[in-house]
Amino acid sequence: MPNNPLAARAAPFADDEAAFHARRLAAYRDDGPIAGVLGRLARGQLPPLPPLIVAAVVTLVLLVAGVGGQTSLVLLAPVLALLLAGPGSAHPHGGRLDWAAPIIIRLIEYGYLATVGFSHAVPKPLVYVLLGVLAFHHYDTVYRTRQRLWPAAWVFDAGLGWDGRMLIAGIAAIAHIAWPAYAVLTFYLGVLFVAESVHAWSRTDQRGVMADLEEEDVAETAPPDVD
């Protein structure tokens, strides 16, 4: 069978695109140090999506039970979610539906933080501000990575990850200090994410970034060169 020169020439670009896709989804997941350790222990062998779906269902069931009066189950939810979803953090996320993994993680995290806050006398405006801070961080990550501008690795560790934030909220609820814990967490994450984002963007040539993005969009829509 003759070699296809077009396929041979396109192969390195396909590999680069797959690596970019995997790195981008890893950033979207926003895993913390604990999930990262579990992922390294699993050596990327555990597919991310099925355990995440189970984690979402388990978290929902435990939250409903917790709101109904079984307070101890509130802390069990993030622990089980971490044990189920954490080992998949090192997977390359190359499956056809693996793009949904970060979306499921966001639903688990936001739903958990909102439910715990509302059911443990945390002022609603404070809960909304915390969720807004996280939404800002995740949107900023998406916008940066589209342009191949990667947040520093330390930001994800310092931001505690979805797993760390859920564990802190659960422990605070069990200890009956959810109100101050949410206040401290909101202030800390707000300062961290906003300051890091402002610092990163202030060092970026906006015109160059937008030009690169436009070139990338044009390259994606341009017909292949068959010469």
Protein backbone atom coordinates (compact mmCIF):
# COMPACT_ATOMS: atom_id res chain seq x y z
CA MET A 1 0.00 0.00 0.00
CA PRO A 2 1.62 3.34 -1.04
CA ASN A 3 2.34 5.94 1.55
CA ASN A 4 0.05 8.94 1.59
CA PRO A 5 2.22 12.09 1.76
CA LEU A 6 -0.74 14.21 2.84
CA ALA A 7 -1.52 11.91 5.74
CA ALA A 8 2.12 11.82 6.77
CA ARG A 9 2.31 15.59 6.72
CA ALA A 10 -0.92 15.98 8.69
CA ALA A 11 0.00 13.44 11.40
CA PRO A 12 2.20 15.77 13.52
CA PHE A 13 -0.49 18.45 13.41
CA ALA A 14 -3.11 15.93 14.54
CA ASP A 15 -0.88 14.91 17.44
CA ASP A 16 -0.38 18.55 18.41
CA GLU A 17 -4.10 19.19 18.28
CA ALA A 18 -4.84 16.13 20.42
CA ALA A 19 -2.28 17.26 23.00
CA PHE A 20 -3.79 20.76 23.00
CA HIS A 21 -7.28 19.32 23.45
CA ALA A 22 -6.16 17.13 26.36
CA ARG A 23 -4.34 19.99 28.08
CA ARG A 24 -7.31 22.29 27.66
CA LEU A 25 -9.76 19.79 29.16
CA ALA A 26 -7.38 19.22 32.08
CA ALA A 27 -7.42 22.96 32.74
CA TYR A 28 -11.21 23.05 32.49
CA ARG A 29 -11.51 20.29 35.08
CA ASP A 30 -9.77 22.50 37.67
CA ASP A 31 -8.59 19.54 39.74
CA GLY A 32 -6.96 20.25 43.08
CA PRO A 33 -3.88 18.64 44.63
CA ILE A 34 -5.84 15.71 46.08
CA ALA A 35 -7.51 14.79 42.79
CA GLY A 36 -4.13 15.19 41.09
CA VAL A 37 -2.55 12.64 43.42
CA LEU A 38 -5.37 10.16 42.79
CA GLY A 39 -4.97 10.69 39.04
CA ARG A 40 -1.25 9.97 39.18
CA LEU A 41 -1.89 6.83 41.21
CA ALA A 42 -4.32 5.64 38.52
CA ARG A 43 -1.71 6.47 35.83
CA GLY A 44 -4.36 7.76 33.46
CA GLN A 45 -5.93 4.35 33.03
CA LEU A 46 -9.39 5.20 34.39
CA PRO A 47 -11.82 6.73 31.86
CA PRO A 48 -13.16 9.99 33.28
CA LEU A 49 -16.79 10.03 32.21
CA PRO A 50 -18.50 6.95 33.78
CA PRO A 51 -17.16 7.62 37.31
CA LEU A 52 -18.16 11.27 37.00
CA ILE A 53 -21.72 10.36 36.09
CA VAL A 54 -21.89 8.08 39.13
CA ALA A 55 -20.36 10.83 41.28
CA ALA A 56 -23.00 13.30 40.12
CA VAL A 57 -25.83 10.90 40.98
CA VAL A 58 -24.33 10.01 44.37
CA THR A 59 -23.76 13.67 45.22
CA LEU A 60 -27.36 14.50 44.35
CA VAL A 61 -28.73 11.66 46.49
CA LEU A 62 -26.51 12.53 49.46
CA LEU A 63 -27.37 16.22 49.24
CA VAL A 64 -31.09 15.48 49.24
CA ALA A 65 -30.60 13.26 52.29
CA GLY A 66 -28.41 15.87 53.95
CA VAL A 67 -30.91 18.66 53.42
CA GLY A 68 -33.52 16.34 54.86
CA GLY A 69 -31.65 16.17 58.16
CA GLN A 70 -28.77 13.69 57.77
CA THR A 71 -26.05 16.30 58.20
CA SER A 72 -23.18 13.80 58.22
CA LEU A 73 -24.00 12.84 54.64
CA VAL A 74 -23.09 16.36 53.51
CA LEU A 75 -19.40 15.62 54.13
CA LEU A 76 -19.67 12.17 52.58
CA ALA A 77 -20.72 13.66 49.23
CA PRO A 78 -17.43 15.39 48.35
CA VAL A 79 -15.40 12.46 49.68
CA LEU A 80 -17.20 10.00 47.42
CA ALA A 81 -17.12 12.44 44.49
CA LEU A 82 -13.37 12.81 44.95
CA LEU A 83 -12.78 9.07 45.15
CA LEU A 84 -14.85 8.50 42.01
CA ALA A 85 -13.75 11.45 39.87
CA GLY A 86 -10.22 12.07 41.13
CA PRO A 87 -8.53 9.01 39.57
CA GLY A 88 -9.72 10.09 36.12
CA SER A 89 -7.91 13.43 36.33
CA ALA A 90 -4.76 12.11 34.61
CA HIS A 91 -6.63 10.50 31.71
CA PRO A 92 -5.95 12.19 28.33
CA HIS A 93 -9.70 12.72 27.82
CA GLY A 94 -9.54 11.59 24.21
CA GLY A 95 -12.93 9.90 24.14
CA ARG A 96 -15.74 11.17 21.97
CA LEU A 97 -17.77 12.40 24.95
CA ASP A 98 -14.94 13.20 27.37
CA TRP A 99 -15.45 16.91 26.66
CA ALA A 100 -18.46 16.61 29.01
CA ALA A 101 -16.26 15.78 32.02
CA PRO A 102 -15.56 19.42 33.03
CA ILE A 103 -19.25 20.27 32.63
CA ILE A 104 -20.27 17.49 35.01
CA ILE A 105 -17.61 18.58 37.51
CA ARG A 106 -18.94 22.15 37.41
CA LEU A 107 -22.50 20.93 38.01
CA ILE A 108 -21.32 18.84 40.97
CA GLU A 109 -19.25 21.64 42.49
CA TYR A 110 -21.66 24.52 41.96
CA GLY A 111 -24.66 22.44 43.00
CA TYR A 112 -22.90 21.22 46.12
CA LEU A 113 -21.67 24.64 47.24
CA ALA A 114 -25.06 26.23 46.62
CA THR A 115 -27.03 23.50 48.39
CA VAL A 116 -24.73 23.39 51.42
CA GLY A 117 -24.70 27.17 51.68
CA PHE A 118 -28.46 27.60 51.41
CA SER A 119 -29.18 24.77 53.85
CA HIS A 120 -26.67 25.91 56.49
CA ALA A 121 -27.70 29.54 56.98
CA VAL A 122 -25.07 31.08 54.72
CA PRO A 123 -26.45 34.41 53.42
CA LYS A 124 -27.66 33.96 49.87
CA PRO A 125 -25.69 36.97 48.52
CA LEU A 126 -22.49 35.40 49.89
CA VAL A 127 -23.25 32.09 48.18
CA TYR A 128 -23.89 33.89 44.91
CA VAL A 129 -20.65 35.86 45.20
CA LEU A 130 -18.67 32.66 45.80
CA LEU A 131 -20.24 31.04 42.76
CA GLY A 132 -19.56 34.21 40.78
CA VAL A 133 -15.87 34.12 41.75
CA LEU A 134 -15.62 30.52 40.59
CA ALA A 135 -17.49 31.28 37.37
CA PHE A 136 -15.07 34.14 36.68
CA HIS A 137 -12.10 31.82 37.21
CA HIS A 138 -13.49 29.13 34.95
CA TYR A 139 -14.50 31.57 32.21
CA ASP A 140 -11.08 33.21 32.39
CA THR A 141 -9.47 29.79 32.01
CA VAL A 142 -11.62 28.95 28.98
CA TYR A 143 -10.91 32.27 27.29
CA ARG A 144 -7.18 32.05 27.91
CA THR A 145 -6.77 28.47 26.74
CA ARG A 146 -8.65 29.19 23.52
CA GLN A 147 -5.74 31.45 22.74
CA ARG A 148 -3.15 29.00 24.08
CA LEU A 149 -2.44 31.18 27.10
CA TRP A 150 -2.19 28.79 30.01
CA PRO A 151 -2.75 29.78 33.63
CA ALA A 152 0.20 28.91 35.84
CA ALA A 153 -0.02 25.47 37.43
CA TRP A 154 0.26 26.95 40.91
CA VAL A 155 -3.06 28.78 40.43
CA PHE A 156 -4.98 25.51 40.33
CA ASP A 157 -3.23 24.24 43.46
CA ALA A 158 -3.63 27.54 45.31
CA GLY A 159 -7.28 27.63 44.24
CA LEU A 160 -7.74 24.27 46.02
CA GLY A 161 -9.51 22.68 43.04
CA TRP A 162 -13.14 21.63 42.95
CA ASP A 163 -12.31 18.79 45.34
CA GLY A 164 -10.64 20.99 47.96
CA ARG A 165 -13.39 23.60 47.87
CA MET A 166 -16.11 20.99 48.31
CA LEU A 167 -14.25 19.35 51.21
CA ILE A 168 -13.84 22.70 52.97
CA ALA A 169 -17.53 23.47 52.54
CA GLY A 170 -18.51 20.03 53.86
CA ILE A 171 -16.22 20.21 56.90
CA ALA A 172 -17.44 23.73 57.66
CA ALA A 173 -21.05 22.56 57.51
CA ILE A 174 -20.36 19.68 59.90
CA ALA A 175 -18.53 22.05 62.27
CA HIS A 176 -21.37 24.60 62.08
CA ILE A 177 -19.06 27.31 60.73
CA ALA A 178 -20.36 27.42 57.16
CA TRP A 179 -21.05 31.18 57.28
CA PRO A 180 -17.48 32.29 58.16
CA ALA A 181 -15.92 29.56 56.04
CA TYR A 182 -17.81 30.72 52.96
CA ALA A 183 -16.81 34.32 53.70
CA VAL A 184 -13.11 33.47 54.03
CA LEU A 185 -13.18 31.19 50.99
CA THR A 186 -14.90 33.83 48.87
CA PHE A 187 -12.43 36.54 49.86
CA TYR A 188 -9.38 34.32 49.39
CA LEU A 189 -10.41 32.94 46.02
CA GLY A 190 -11.59 36.32 44.79
CA VAL A 191 -8.27 37.97 45.54
CA LEU A 192 -6.31 35.03 44.15
CA PHE A 193 -8.15 34.60 40.86
CA VAL A 194 -8.69 38.28 40.07
CA ALA A 195 -5.13 39.33 40.97
CA GLU A 196 -3.58 36.47 38.97
CA SER A 197 -5.81 37.15 35.98
CA VAL A 198 -5.08 40.89 35.97
CA HIS A 199 -1.35 40.20 36.30
CA ALA A 200 -1.40 37.67 33.45
CA TRP A 201 -3.42 39.82 31.06
CA SER A 202 -1.38 42.92 31.83
CA ARG A 203 1.70 41.09 30.54
CA THR A 204 -0.04 39.99 27.34
CA ASP A 205 0.01 41.84 24.04
CA GLN A 206 -3.72 41.99 23.40
CA ARG A 207 -3.35 42.81 19.70
CA GLY A 208 -1.00 39.88 19.21
CA VAL A 209 -3.31 37.54 21.09
CA MET A 210 -6.35 38.51 19.06
CA ALA A 211 -4.35 38.22 15.83
CA ASP A 212 -3.27 34.71 16.80
CA LEU A 213 -6.87 33.78 17.59
CA GLU A 214 -8.10 35.10 14.25
CA GLU A 215 -5.35 33.20 12.42
CA GLU A 216 -6.35 30.03 14.30
CA ASP A 217 -10.01 30.46 13.31
CA VAL A 218 -9.06 31.07 9.69
CA ALA A 219 -6.78 28.02 9.68
CA GLU A 220 -9.60 25.84 11.02
CA THR A 221 -11.98 26.94 8.27
CA ALA A 222 -9.51 27.07 5.38
CA PRO A 223 -9.54 24.18 2.86
CA PRO A 224 -6.55 21.82 3.05
CA ASP A 225 -3.59 22.34 0.79
CA VAL A 226 -3.52 19.50 -1.69
CA ASP A 227 -0.50 20.65 -3.69
